[in-house]
Amino acid sequence: MNIEELRDYCLSLPNVTEATPFEKFSKGKFTILVFYIGNHMFCYFNVDDFTSITVKCKPEKIAELKERYAAVDEPYNGNKKYWISLRLNEDLDDDHIKELVRNSYNLVKKR
C-alpha cells in the first residue's frame, strides 16, 4: 500500500477530514497527517517516512495482534493502551490494514 492509497481509503470513509495539526511541534522536520471522524483522530502517519501508520484499537485486541503479527508494534507517540503502530510491507496485507483502519474509525465514531 502506498501513501495515496491509504489516504484515499481513509477519506472514503463517511465524514472523515484530514489535517496536519502538529506542524508547530516538528518545526518543519516532518509532517504528520491525521485523519479525523468528528474532532477525534483515528489514524495518523508521518508523510515524510511512510513506513508505518498508527490506529486506535480495542485494548483487549492489542496483545493478540502483537503476538500474531510482527508488523504490529507500540504506537508512535500514542497511548499504548488504545493505539497500535502498523509497519507497512511486512506480514499484514493491505486488506487487513484497511480492516484495522476501519475498526479504528468505528471505535472513534462511537464516541
PDB file of N, CA and C in Angstrom:
ATOM      1  N   MET A   1       0.850  -1.170   0.000  1.00  0.00           N
ATOM      2  CA  MET A   1       0.000   0.000   0.000  1.00  0.00           C
ATOM      3  C   MET A   1       0.900   1.238   0.000  1.00  0.00           C
ATOM      4  N   ASN A   2       0.542   2.181  -0.826  1.00  0.00           N
ATOM      5  CA  ASN A   2       1.313   3.422  -0.821  1.00  0.00           C
ATOM      6  C   ASN A   2       0.509   4.511  -0.103  1.00  0.00           C
ATOM      7  N   ILE A   3       1.140   5.637   0.063  1.00  0.00           N
ATOM      8  CA  ILE A   3       0.556   6.726   0.843  1.00  0.00           C
ATOM      9  C   ILE A   3      -0.756   7.242   0.250  1.00  0.00           C
ATOM     10  N   GLU A   4      -0.834   7.330  -1.064  1.00  0.00           N
ATOM     11  CA  GLU A   4      -2.061   7.812  -1.705  1.00  0.00           C
ATOM     12  C   GLU A   4      -3.203   6.820  -1.561  1.00  0.00           C
ATOM     13  N   GLU A   5      -2.901   5.535  -1.647  1.00  0.00           N
ATOM     14  CA  GLU A   5      -3.941   4.513  -1.460  1.00  0.00           C
ATOM     15  C   GLU A   5      -4.529   4.589  -0.055  1.00  0.00           C
ATOM     16  N   LEU A   6      -3.656   4.737   0.947  1.00  0.00           N
ATOM     17  CA  LEU A   6      -4.145   4.822   2.314  1.00  0.00           C
ATOM     18  C   LEU A   6      -4.938   6.111   2.519  1.00  0.00           C
ATOM     19  N   ARG A   7      -4.427   7.211   2.013  1.00  0.00           N
ATOM     20  CA  ARG A   7      -5.136   8.491   2.134  1.00  0.00           C
ATOM     21  C   ARG A   7      -6.511   8.402   1.482  1.00  0.00           C
ATOM     22  N   ASP A   8      -6.570   7.864   0.267  1.00  0.00           N
ATOM     23  CA  ASP A   8      -7.849   7.717  -0.430  1.00  0.00           C
ATOM     24  C   ASP A   8      -8.811   6.835   0.363  1.00  0.00           C
ATOM     25  N   TYR A   9      -8.283   5.752   0.942  1.00  0.00           N
ATOM     26  CA  TYR A   9      -9.136   4.865   1.716  1.00  0.00           C
ATOM     27  C   TYR A   9      -9.706   5.594   2.938  1.00  0.00           C
ATOM     28  N   CYS A  10      -8.848   6.276   3.681  1.00  0.00           N
ATOM     29  CA  CYS A  10      -9.321   7.000   4.869  1.00  0.00           C
ATOM     30  C   CYS A  10     -10.378   8.033   4.496  1.00  0.00           C
ATOM     31  N   LEU A  11     -10.124   8.768   3.437  1.00  0.00           N
ATOM     32  CA  LEU A  11     -11.066   9.811   3.030  1.00  0.00           C
ATOM     33  C   LEU A  11     -12.354   9.254   2.434  1.00  0.00           C
ATOM     34  N   SER A  12     -12.355   7.973   2.057  1.00  0.00           N
ATOM     35  CA  SER A  12     -13.575   7.354   1.530  1.00  0.00           C
ATOM     36  C   SER A  12     -14.568   7.006   2.633  1.00  0.00           C
ATOM     37  N   LEU A  13     -14.110   6.988   3.871  1.00  0.00           N
ATOM     38  CA  LEU A  13     -14.994   6.690   4.994  1.00  0.00           C
ATOM     39  C   LEU A  13     -15.870   7.913   5.272  1.00  0.00           C
ATOM     40  N   PRO A  14     -17.127   7.714   5.656  1.00  0.00           N
ATOM     41  CA  PRO A  14     -18.057   8.840   5.843  1.00  0.00           C
ATOM     42  C   PRO A  14     -17.579   9.883   6.855  1.00  0.00           C
ATOM     43  N   ASN A  15     -17.701  11.144   6.462  1.00  0.00           N
ATOM     44  CA  ASN A  15     -17.450  12.290   7.344  1.00  0.00           C
ATOM     45  C   ASN A  15     -16.022  12.408   7.865  1.00  0.00           C
ATOM     46  N   VAL A  16     -15.062  11.896   7.118  1.00  0.00           N
ATOM     47  CA  VAL A  16     -13.660  11.976   7.527  1.00  0.00           C
ATOM     48  C   VAL A  16     -13.038  13.263   6.998  1.00  0.00           C
ATOM     49  N   THR A  17     -12.228  13.864   7.841  1.00  0.00           N
ATOM     50  CA  THR A  17     -11.429  15.021   7.442  1.00  0.00           C
ATOM     51  C   THR A  17      -9.968  14.714   7.739  1.00  0.00           C
ATOM     52  N   GLU A  18      -9.084  15.510   7.139  1.00  0.00           N
ATOM     53  CA  GLU A  18      -7.655  15.330   7.367  1.00  0.00           C
ATOM     54  C   GLU A  18      -7.026  16.670   7.721  1.00  0.00           C
ATOM     55  N   ALA A  19      -5.922  16.607   8.429  1.00  0.00           N
ATOM     56  CA  ALA A  19      -5.199  17.820   8.802  1.00  0.00           C
ATOM     57  C   ALA A  19      -3.774  17.450   9.198  1.00  0.00           C
ATOM     58  N   THR A  20      -2.950  18.472   9.288  1.00  0.00           N
ATOM     59  CA  THR A  20      -1.575  18.304   9.773  1.00  0.00           C
ATOM     60  C   THR A  20      -1.417  19.210  11.001  1.00  0.00           C
ATOM     61  N   PRO A  21      -1.962  18.781  12.136  1.00  0.00           N
ATOM     62  CA  PRO A  21      -2.036  19.654  13.309  1.00  0.00           C
ATOM     63  C   PRO A  21      -0.735  19.813  14.104  1.00  0.00           C
ATOM     64  N   PHE A  22       0.285  19.045  13.784  1.00  0.00           N
ATOM     65  CA  PHE A  22       1.487  19.045  14.608  1.00  0.00           C
ATOM     66  C   PHE A  22       2.662  19.781  13.979  1.00  0.00           C
ATOM     67  N   GLU A  23       2.405  20.577  12.966  1.00  0.00           N
ATOM     68  CA  GLU A  23       3.463  21.298  12.259  1.00  0.00           C
ATOM     69  C   GLU A  23       4.317  22.142  13.197  1.00  0.00           C
ATOM     70  N   LYS A  24       3.681  22.834  14.129  1.00  0.00           N
ATOM     71  CA  LYS A  24       4.446  23.718  15.018  1.00  0.00           C
ATOM     72  C   LYS A  24       5.380  22.946  15.942  1.00  0.00           C
ATOM     73  N   PHE A  25       5.041  21.686  16.235  1.00  0.00           N
ATOM     74  CA  PHE A  25       5.886  20.884  17.111  1.00  0.00           C
ATOM     75  C   PHE A  25       7.094  20.308  16.373  1.00  0.00           C
ATOM     76  N   SER A  26       6.921  20.013  15.101  1.00  0.00           N
ATOM     77  CA  SER A  26       8.019  19.405  14.340  1.00  0.00           C
ATOM     78  C   SER A  26       8.959  20.439  13.745  1.00  0.00           C
ATOM     79  N   LYS A  27       8.531  21.689  13.713  1.00  0.00           N
ATOM     80  CA  LYS A  27       9.338  22.790  13.169  1.00  0.00           C
ATOM     81  C   LYS A  27       9.826  22.483  11.752  1.00  0.00           C
ATOM     82  N   GLY A  28       8.940  21.871  10.958  1.00  0.00           N
ATOM     83  CA  GLY A  28       9.254  21.585   9.563  1.00  0.00           C
ATOM     84  C   GLY A  28      10.110  20.363   9.317  1.00  0.00           C
ATOM     85  N   LYS A  29      10.468  19.608  10.352  1.00  0.00           N
ATOM     86  CA  LYS A  29      11.320  18.428  10.191  1.00  0.00           C
ATOM     87  C   LYS A  29      10.547  17.238   9.627  1.00  0.00           C
ATOM     88  N   PHE A  30       9.250  17.152   9.923  1.00  0.00           N
ATOM     89  CA  PHE A  30       8.408  16.084   9.408  1.00  0.00           C
ATOM     90  C   PHE A  30       6.957  16.541   9.441  1.00  0.00           C
ATOM     91  N   THR A  31       6.121  15.815   8.730  1.00  0.00           N
ATOM     92  CA  THR A  31       4.699  16.144   8.656  1.00  0.00           C
ATOM     93  C   THR A  31       3.880  14.927   9.055  1.00  0.00           C
ATOM     94  N   ILE A  32       3.053  15.088  10.061  1.00  0.00           N
ATOM     95  CA  ILE A  32       2.150  14.021  10.493  1.00  0.00           C
ATOM     96  C   ILE A  32       0.771  14.342   9.926  1.00  0.00           C
ATOM     97  N   LEU A  33       0.264  13.440   9.085  1.00  0.00           N
ATOM     98  CA  LEU A  33      -1.073  13.583   8.515  1.00  0.00           C
ATOM     99  C   LEU A  33      -2.036  12.806   9.400  1.00  0.00           C
ATOM    100  N   VAL A  34      -3.085  13.491   9.843  1.00  0.00           N
ATOM    101  CA  VAL A  34      -4.052  12.912  10.778  1.00  0.00           C
ATOM    102  C   VAL A  34      -5.427  12.875  10.126  1.00  0.00           C
ATOM    103  N   PHE A  35      -6.124  11.761  10.325  1.00  0.00           N
ATOM    104  CA  PHE A  35      -7.490  11.602   9.839  1.00  0.00           C
ATOM    105  C   PHE A  35      -8.421  11.595  11.039  1.00  0.00           C
ATOM    106  N   TYR A  36      -9.536  12.317  10.886  1.00  0.00           N
ATOM    107  CA  TYR A  36     -10.487  12.528  11.971  1.00  0.00           C
ATOM    108  C   TYR A  36     -11.885  12.079  11.558  1.00  0.00           C
ATOM    109  N   ILE A  37     -12.622  11.601  12.536  1.00  0.00           N
ATOM    110  CA  ILE A  37     -14.058  11.467  12.429  1.00  0.00           C
ATOM    111  C   ILE A  37     -14.589  12.370  13.545  1.00  0.00           C
ATOM    112  N   GLY A  38     -15.366  13.358  13.154  1.00  0.00           N
ATOM    113  CA  GLY A  38     -15.713  14.404  14.114  1.00  0.00           C
ATOM    114  C   GLY A  38     -14.435  15.166  14.428  1.00  0.00           C
ATOM    115  N   ASN A  39     -14.188  15.390  15.679  1.00  0.00           N
ATOM    116  CA  ASN A  39     -12.956  16.071  16.096  1.00  0.00           C
ATOM    117  C   ASN A  39     -11.952  15.106  16.714  1.00  0.00           C
ATOM    118  N   HIS A  40     -12.104  13.816  16.432  1.00  0.00           N
ATOM    119  CA  HIS A  40     -11.262  12.810  17.072  1.00  0.00           C
ATOM    120  C   HIS A  40     -10.435  12.031  16.048  1.00  0.00           C
ATOM    121  N   MET A  41      -9.161  11.843  16.356  1.00  0.00           N
ATOM    122  CA  MET A  41      -8.247  11.125  15.466  1.00  0.00           C
ATOM    123  C   MET A  41      -8.568   9.633  15.452  1.00  0.00           C
ATOM    124  N   PHE A  42      -8.404   9.025  14.275  1.00  0.00           N
ATOM    125  CA  PHE A  42      -8.496   7.566  14.215  1.00  0.00           C
ATOM    126  C   PHE A  42      -7.312   6.946  13.474  1.00  0.00           C
ATOM    127  N   CYS A  43      -6.541   7.756  12.746  1.00  0.00           N
ATOM    128  CA  CYS A  43      -5.381   7.242  12.013  1.00  0.00           C
ATOM    129  C   CYS A  43      -4.415   8.391  11.773  1.00  0.00           C
ATOM    130  N   TYR A  44      -3.115   8.106  11.917  1.00  0.00           N
ATOM    131  CA  TYR A  44      -2.123   9.123  11.577  1.00  0.00           C
ATOM    132  C   TYR A  44      -0.815   8.462  11.161  1.00  0.00           C
ATOM    133  N   PHE A  45      -0.027   9.215  10.378  1.00  0.00           N
ATOM    134  CA  PHE A  45       1.269   8.709   9.926  1.00  0.00           C
ATOM    135  C   PHE A  45       2.168   9.856   9.505  1.00  0.00           C
ATOM    136  N   ASN A  46       3.457   9.550   9.445  1.00  0.00           N
ATOM    137  CA  ASN A  46       4.467  10.506   9.028  1.00  0.00           C
ATOM    138  C   ASN A  46       4.538  10.490   7.505  1.00  0.00           C
ATOM    139  N   VAL A  47       4.198  11.592   6.874  1.00  0.00           N
ATOM    140  CA  VAL A  47       4.196  11.701   5.418  1.00  0.00           C
ATOM    141  C   VAL A  47       5.605  11.565   4.858  1.00  0.00           C
ATOM    142  N   ASP A  48       6.583  12.028   5.605  1.00  0.00           N
ATOM    143  CA  ASP A  48       7.973  12.040   5.135  1.00  0.00           C
ATOM    144  C   ASP A  48       8.680  10.698   5.319  1.00  0.00           C
ATOM    145  N   ASP A  49       8.087   9.814   6.098  1.00  0.00           N
ATOM    146  CA  ASP A  49       8.661   8.479   6.332  1.00  0.00           C
ATOM    147  C   ASP A  49       7.492   7.495   6.426  1.00  0.00           C
ATOM    148  N   PHE A  50       6.914   7.193   5.291  1.00  0.00           N
ATOM    149  CA  PHE A  50       5.702   6.372   5.260  1.00  0.00           C
ATOM    150  C   PHE A  50       6.057   4.891   5.374  1.00  0.00           C
ATOM    151  N   THR A  51       6.466   4.500   6.572  1.00  0.00           N
ATOM    152  CA  THR A  51       6.808   3.101   6.830  1.00  0.00           C
ATOM    153  C   THR A  51       5.846   2.459   7.826  1.00  0.00           C
ATOM    154  N   SER A  52       5.034   3.299   8.504  1.00  0.00           N
ATOM    155  CA  SER A  52       4.062   2.764   9.451  1.00  0.00           C
ATOM    156  C   SER A  52       2.924   3.761   9.613  1.00  0.00           C
ATOM    157  N   ILE A  53       1.821   3.241  10.142  1.00  0.00           N
ATOM    158  CA  ILE A  53       0.678   4.088  10.477  1.00  0.00           C
ATOM    159  C   ILE A  53       0.266   3.749  11.904  1.00  0.00           C
ATOM    160  N   THR A  54      -0.440   4.662  12.546  1.00  0.00           N
ATOM    161  CA  THR A  54      -0.914   4.445  13.904  1.00  0.00           C
ATOM    162  C   THR A  54      -2.435   4.528  13.898  1.00  0.00           C
ATOM    163  N   VAL A  55      -3.058   3.529  14.519  1.00  0.00           N
ATOM    164  CA  VAL A  55      -4.521   3.465  14.579  1.00  0.00           C
ATOM    165  C   VAL A  55      -4.967   3.099  15.993  1.00  0.00           C
ATOM    166  N   LYS A  56      -6.191   3.450  16.291  1.00  0.00           N
ATOM    167  CA  LYS A  56      -6.787   3.090  17.565  1.00  0.00           C
ATOM    168  C   LYS A  56      -7.218   1.622  17.512  1.00  0.00           C
ATOM    169  N   CYS A  57      -7.203   0.973  18.672  1.00  0.00           N
ATOM    170  CA  CYS A  57      -7.540  -0.453  18.725  1.00  0.00           C
ATOM    171  C   CYS A  57      -8.196  -0.759  20.067  1.00  0.00           C
ATOM    172  N   LYS A  58      -9.080  -1.735  20.071  1.00  0.00           N
ATOM    173  CA  LYS A  58      -9.669  -2.176  21.330  1.00  0.00           C
ATOM    174  C   LYS A  58      -8.542  -2.717  22.208  1.00  0.00           C
ATOM    175  N   PRO A  59      -8.458  -2.286  23.456  1.00  0.00           N
ATOM    176  CA  PRO A  59      -7.371  -2.727  24.335  1.00  0.00           C
ATOM    177  C   PRO A  59      -7.236  -4.250  24.430  1.00  0.00           C
ATOM    178  N   GLU A  60      -8.361  -4.941  24.416  1.00  0.00           N
ATOM    179  CA  GLU A  60      -8.304  -6.405  24.552  1.00  0.00           C
ATOM    180  C   GLU A  60      -7.774  -7.104  23.304  1.00  0.00           C
ATOM    181  N   LYS A  61      -7.660  -6.404  22.186  1.00  0.00           N
ATOM    182  CA  LYS A  61      -7.155  -6.999  20.942  1.00  0.00           C
ATOM    183  C   LYS A  61      -5.665  -6.740  20.712  1.00  0.00           C
ATOM    184  N   ILE A  62      -5.100  -5.774  21.414  1.00  0.00           N
ATOM    185  CA  ILE A  62      -3.723  -5.354  21.147  1.00  0.00           C
ATOM    186  C   ILE A  62      -2.717  -6.484  21.359  1.00  0.00           C
ATOM    187  N   ALA A  63      -2.766  -7.157  22.480  1.00  0.00           N
ATOM    188  CA  ALA A  63      -1.807  -8.230  22.758  1.00  0.00           C
ATOM    189  C   ALA A  63      -1.900  -9.337  21.708  1.00  0.00           C
ATOM    190  N   GLU A  64      -3.111  -9.700  21.338  1.00  0.00           N
ATOM    191  CA  GLU A  64      -3.324 -10.746  20.333  1.00  0.00           C
ATOM    192  C   GLU A  64      -2.707 -10.343  18.984  1.00  0.00           C
ATOM    193  N   LEU A  65      -2.929  -9.110  18.575  1.00  0.00           N
ATOM    194  CA  LEU A  65      -2.385  -8.639  17.295  1.00  0.00           C
ATOM    195  C   LEU A  65      -0.857  -8.598  17.334  1.00  0.00           C
ATOM    196  N   LYS A  66      -0.293  -8.140  18.444  1.00  0.00           N
ATOM    197  CA  LYS A  66       1.168  -8.077  18.578  1.00  0.00           C
ATOM    198  C   LYS A  66       1.785  -9.475  18.528  1.00  0.00           C
ATOM    199  N   GLU A  67       1.104 -10.412  19.138  1.00  0.00           N
ATOM    200  CA  GLU A  67       1.606 -11.783  19.164  1.00  0.00           C
ATOM    201  C   GLU A  67       1.537 -12.435  17.780  1.00  0.00           C
ATOM    202  N   ARG A  68       0.506 -12.120  17.051  1.00  0.00           N
ATOM    203  CA  ARG A  68       0.272 -12.764  15.761  1.00  0.00           C
ATOM    204  C   ARG A  68       1.049 -12.139  14.603  1.00  0.00           C
ATOM    205  N   TYR A  69       1.274 -10.813  14.656  1.00  0.00           N
ATOM    206  CA  TYR A  69       1.891 -10.103  13.535  1.00  0.00           C
ATOM    207  C   TYR A  69       3.131  -9.332  13.974  1.00  0.00           C
ATOM    208  N   ALA A  70       4.227  -9.548  13.290  1.00  0.00           N
ATOM    209  CA  ALA A  70       5.457  -8.795  13.559  1.00  0.00           C
ATOM    210  C   ALA A  70       5.277  -7.321  13.234  1.00  0.00           C
ATOM    211  N   ALA A  71       4.363  -6.999  12.329  1.00  0.00           N
ATOM    212  CA  ALA A  71       4.142  -5.616  11.895  1.00  0.00           C
ATOM    213  C   ALA A  71       3.406  -4.765  12.926  1.00  0.00           C
ATOM    214  N   VAL A  72       2.823  -5.383  13.929  1.00  0.00           N
ATOM    215  CA  VAL A  72       2.078  -4.637  14.955  1.00  0.00           C
ATOM    216  C   VAL A  72       3.026  -4.324  16.105  1.00  0.00           C
ATOM    217  N   ASP A  73       3.091  -3.044  16.453  1.00  0.00           N
ATOM    218  CA  ASP A  73       4.067  -2.602  17.443  1.00  0.00           C
ATOM    219  C   ASP A  73       3.472  -1.496  18.317  1.00  0.00           C
ATOM    220  N   GLU A  74       4.318  -0.957  19.195  1.00  0.00           N
ATOM    221  CA  GLU A  74       3.933   0.164  20.038  1.00  0.00           C
ATOM    222  C   GLU A  74       3.564   1.352  19.147  1.00  0.00           C
ATOM    223  N   PRO A  75       2.652   2.194  19.587  1.00  0.00           N
ATOM    224  CA  PRO A  75       2.246   3.331  18.773  1.00  0.00           C
ATOM    225  C   PRO A  75       3.324   4.408  18.708  1.00  0.00           C
ATOM    226  N   TYR A  76       3.302   5.146  17.623  1.00  0.00           N
ATOM    227  CA  TYR A  76       4.155   6.325  17.530  1.00  0.00           C
ATOM    228  C   TYR A  76       3.451   7.428  18.301  1.00  0.00           C
ATOM    229  N   ASN A  77       4.006   7.771  19.436  1.00  0.00           N
ATOM    230  CA  ASN A  77       3.514   8.899  20.220  1.00  0.00           C
ATOM    231  C   ASN A  77       2.021   8.794  20.539  1.00  0.00           C
ATOM    232  N   GLY A  78       1.603   7.637  20.991  1.00  0.00           N
ATOM    233  CA  GLY A  78       0.205   7.447  21.373  1.00  0.00           C
ATOM    234  C   GLY A  78       0.112   6.589  22.623  1.00  0.00           C
ATOM    235  N   ASN A  79      -1.026   6.572  23.262  1.00  0.00           N
ATOM    236  CA  ASN A  79      -1.254   5.777  24.454  1.00  0.00           C
ATOM    237  C   ASN A  79      -1.236   4.293  24.087  1.00  0.00           C
ATOM    238  N   LYS A  80      -0.323   3.543  24.671  1.00  0.00           N
ATOM    239  CA  LYS A  80      -0.150   2.120  24.360  1.00  0.00           C
ATOM    240  C   LYS A  80      -1.376   1.273  24.694  1.00  0.00           C
ATOM    241  N   LYS A  81      -2.237   1.805  25.539  1.00  0.00           N
ATOM    242  CA  LYS A  81      -3.436   1.061  25.922  1.00  0.00           C
ATOM    243  C   LYS A  81      -4.488   1.075  24.813  1.00  0.00           C
ATOM    244  N   TYR A  82      -4.451   2.110  23.935  1.00  0.00           N
ATOM    245  CA  TYR A  82      -5.504   2.282  22.945  1.00  0.00           C
ATOM    246  C   TYR A  82      -5.027   2.381  21.494  1.00  0.00           C
ATOM    247  N   TRP A  83      -3.723   2.495  21.277  1.00  0.00           N
ATOM    248  CA  TRP A  83      -3.200   2.720  19.935  1.00  0.00           C
ATOM    249  C   TRP A  83      -2.137   1.694  19.590  1.00  0.00           C
ATOM    250  N   ILE A  84      -2.058   1.352  18.303  1.00  0.00           N
ATOM    251  CA  ILE A  84      -1.009   0.456  17.808  1.00  0.00           C
ATOM    252  C   ILE A  84      -0.394   1.060  16.546  1.00  0.00           C
ATOM    253  N   SER A  85       0.824   0.678  16.305  1.00  0.00           N
ATOM    254  CA  SER A  85       1.512   1.057  15.077  1.00  0.00           C
ATOM    255  C   SER A  85       1.523  -0.161  14.162  1.00  0.00           C
ATOM    256  N   LEU A  86       1.275   0.078  12.886  1.00  0.00           N
ATOM    257  CA  LEU A  86       1.284  -0.991  11.881  1.00  0.00           C
ATOM    258  C   LEU A  86       2.397  -0.688  10.887  1.00  0.00           C
ATOM    259  N   ARG A  87       3.460  -1.497  10.917  1.00  0.00           N
ATOM    260  CA  ARG A  87       4.539  -1.309   9.954  1.00  0.00           C
ATOM    261  C   ARG A  87       4.084  -1.854   8.603  1.00  0.00           C
ATOM    262  N   LEU A  88       4.285  -1.063   7.596  1.00  0.00           N
ATOM    263  CA  LEU A  88       3.838  -1.420   6.252  1.00  0.00           C
ATOM    264  C   LEU A  88       4.828  -2.360   5.569  1.00  0.00           C
ATOM    265  N   ASN A  89       4.324  -3.120   4.613  1.00  0.00           N
ATOM    266  CA  ASN A  89       5.125  -4.035   3.803  1.00  0.00           C
ATOM    267  C   ASN A  89       5.803  -5.124   4.628  1.00  0.00           C
ATOM    268  N   GLU A  90       5.107  -5.569   5.655  1.00  0.00           N
ATOM    269  CA  GLU A  90       5.594  -6.698   6.443  1.00  0.00           C
ATOM    270  C   GLU A  90       4.561  -7.815   6.361  1.00  0.00           C
ATOM    271  N   ASP A  91       4.129  -8.355   7.485  1.00  0.00           N
ATOM    272  CA  ASP A  91       3.235  -9.512   7.450  1.00  0.00           C
ATOM    273  C   ASP A  91       1.749  -9.173   7.582  1.00  0.00           C
ATOM    274  N   LEU A  92       1.376  -7.923   7.381  1.00  0.00           N
ATOM    275  CA  LEU A  92      -0.031  -7.526   7.291  1.00  0.00           C
ATOM    276  C   LEU A  92      -0.311  -7.128   5.848  1.00  0.00           C
ATOM    277  N   ASP A  93      -1.277  -7.774   5.218  1.00  0.00           N
ATOM    278  CA  ASP A  93      -1.585  -7.384   3.838  1.00  0.00           C
ATOM    279  C   ASP A  93      -2.473  -6.142   3.837  1.00  0.00           C
ATOM    280  N   ASP A  94      -2.613  -5.538   2.681  1.00  0.00           N
ATOM    281  CA  ASP A  94      -3.352  -4.277   2.559  1.00  0.00           C
ATOM    282  C   ASP A  94      -4.791  -4.394   3.058  1.00  0.00           C
ATOM    283  N   ASP A  95      -5.439  -5.508   2.769  1.00  0.00           N
ATOM    284  CA  ASP A  95      -6.827  -5.678   3.214  1.00  0.00           C
ATOM    285  C   ASP A  95      -6.931  -5.684   4.736  1.00  0.00           C
ATOM    286  N   HIS A  96      -5.979  -6.323   5.379  1.00  0.00           N
ATOM    287  CA  HIS A  96      -6.008  -6.370   6.849  1.00  0.00           C
ATOM    288  C   HIS A  96      -5.695  -4.991   7.427  1.00  0.00           C
ATOM    289  N   ILE A  97      -4.788  -4.263   6.811  1.00  0.00           N
ATOM    290  CA  ILE A  97      -4.503  -2.898   7.261  1.00  0.00           C
ATOM    291  C   ILE A  97      -5.765  -2.042   7.136  1.00  0.00           C
ATOM    292  N   LYS A  98      -6.443  -2.156   6.010  1.00  0.00           N
ATOM    293  CA  LYS A  98      -7.692  -1.401   5.829  1.00  0.00           C
ATOM    294  C   LYS A  98      -8.730  -1.793   6.874  1.00  0.00           C
ATOM    295  N   GLU A  99      -8.795  -3.076   7.194  1.00  0.00           N
ATOM    296  CA  GLU A  99      -9.728  -3.540   8.226  1.00  0.00           C
ATOM    297  C   GLU A  99      -9.403  -2.903   9.577  1.00  0.00           C
ATOM    298  N   LEU A 100      -8.125  -2.832   9.922  1.00  0.00           N
ATOM    299  CA  LEU A 100      -7.723  -2.227  11.189  1.00  0.00           C
ATOM    300  C   LEU A 100      -7.973  -0.718  11.195  1.00  0.00           C
ATOM    301  N   VAL A 101      -7.794  -0.077  10.055  1.00  0.00           N
ATOM    302  CA  VAL A 101      -8.126   1.352   9.934  1.00  0.00           C
ATOM    303  C   VAL A 101      -9.626   1.543  10.118  1.00  0.00           C
ATOM    304  N   ARG A 102     -10.416   0.704   9.475  1.00  0.00           N
ATOM    305  CA  ARG A 102     -11.883   0.785   9.589  1.00  0.00           C
ATOM    306  C   ARG A 102     -12.331   0.537  11.031  1.00  0.00           C
ATOM    307  N   ASN A 103     -11.711  -0.446  11.686  1.00  0.00           N
ATOM    308  CA  ASN A 103     -12.037  -0.710  13.093  1.00  0.00           C
ATOM    309  C   ASN A 103     -11.732   0.512  13.960  1.00  0.00           C
ATOM    310  N   SER A 104     -10.609   1.156  13.693  1.00  0.00           N
ATOM    311  CA  SER A 104     -10.233   2.358  14.423  1.00  0.00           C
ATOM    312  C   SER A 104     -11.278   3.458  14.195  1.00  0.00           C
ATOM    313  N   TYR A 105     -11.636   3.653  12.951  1.00  0.00           N
ATOM    314  CA  TYR A 105     -12.669   4.631  12.589  1.00  0.00           C
ATOM    315  C   TYR A 105     -13.957   4.351  13.363  1.00  0.00           C
ATOM    316  N   ASN A 106     -14.389   3.086  13.393  1.00  0.00           N
ATOM    317  CA  ASN A 106     -15.637   2.730  14.080  1.00  0.00           C
ATOM    318  C   ASN A 106     -15.536   2.946  15.582  1.00  0.00           C
ATOM    319  N   LEU A 107     -14.378   2.636  16.180  1.00  0.00           N
ATOM    320  CA  LEU A 107     -14.188   2.871  17.608  1.00  0.00           C
ATOM    321  C   LEU A 107     -14.338   4.349  17.949  1.00  0.00           C
ATOM    322  N   VAL A 108     -13.702   5.179  17.166  1.00  0.00           N
ATOM    323  CA  VAL A 108     -13.713   6.615  17.419  1.00  0.00           C
ATOM    324  C   VAL A 108     -15.096   7.197  17.111  1.00  0.00           C
ATOM    325  N   LYS A 109     -15.730   6.705  16.070  1.00  0.00           N
ATOM    326  CA  LYS A 109     -17.051   7.198  15.679  1.00  0.00           C
ATOM    327  C   LYS A 109     -18.076   6.976  16.805  1.00  0.00           C
ATOM    328  N   LYS A 110     -17.959   5.887  17.522  1.00  0.00           N
ATOM    329  CA  LYS A 110     -18.897   5.566  18.601  1.00  0.00           C
ATOM    330  C   LYS A 110     -18.865   6.599  19.720  1.00  0.00           C
ATOM    331  N   ARG A 111     -17.730   7.281  19.855  1.00  0.00           N
ATOM    332  CA  ARG A 111     -17.609   8.291  20.922  1.00  0.00           C
ATOM    333  C   ARG A 111     -18.524   9.390  20.601  1.00  0.00           C
TER     334      ARG A 111
END
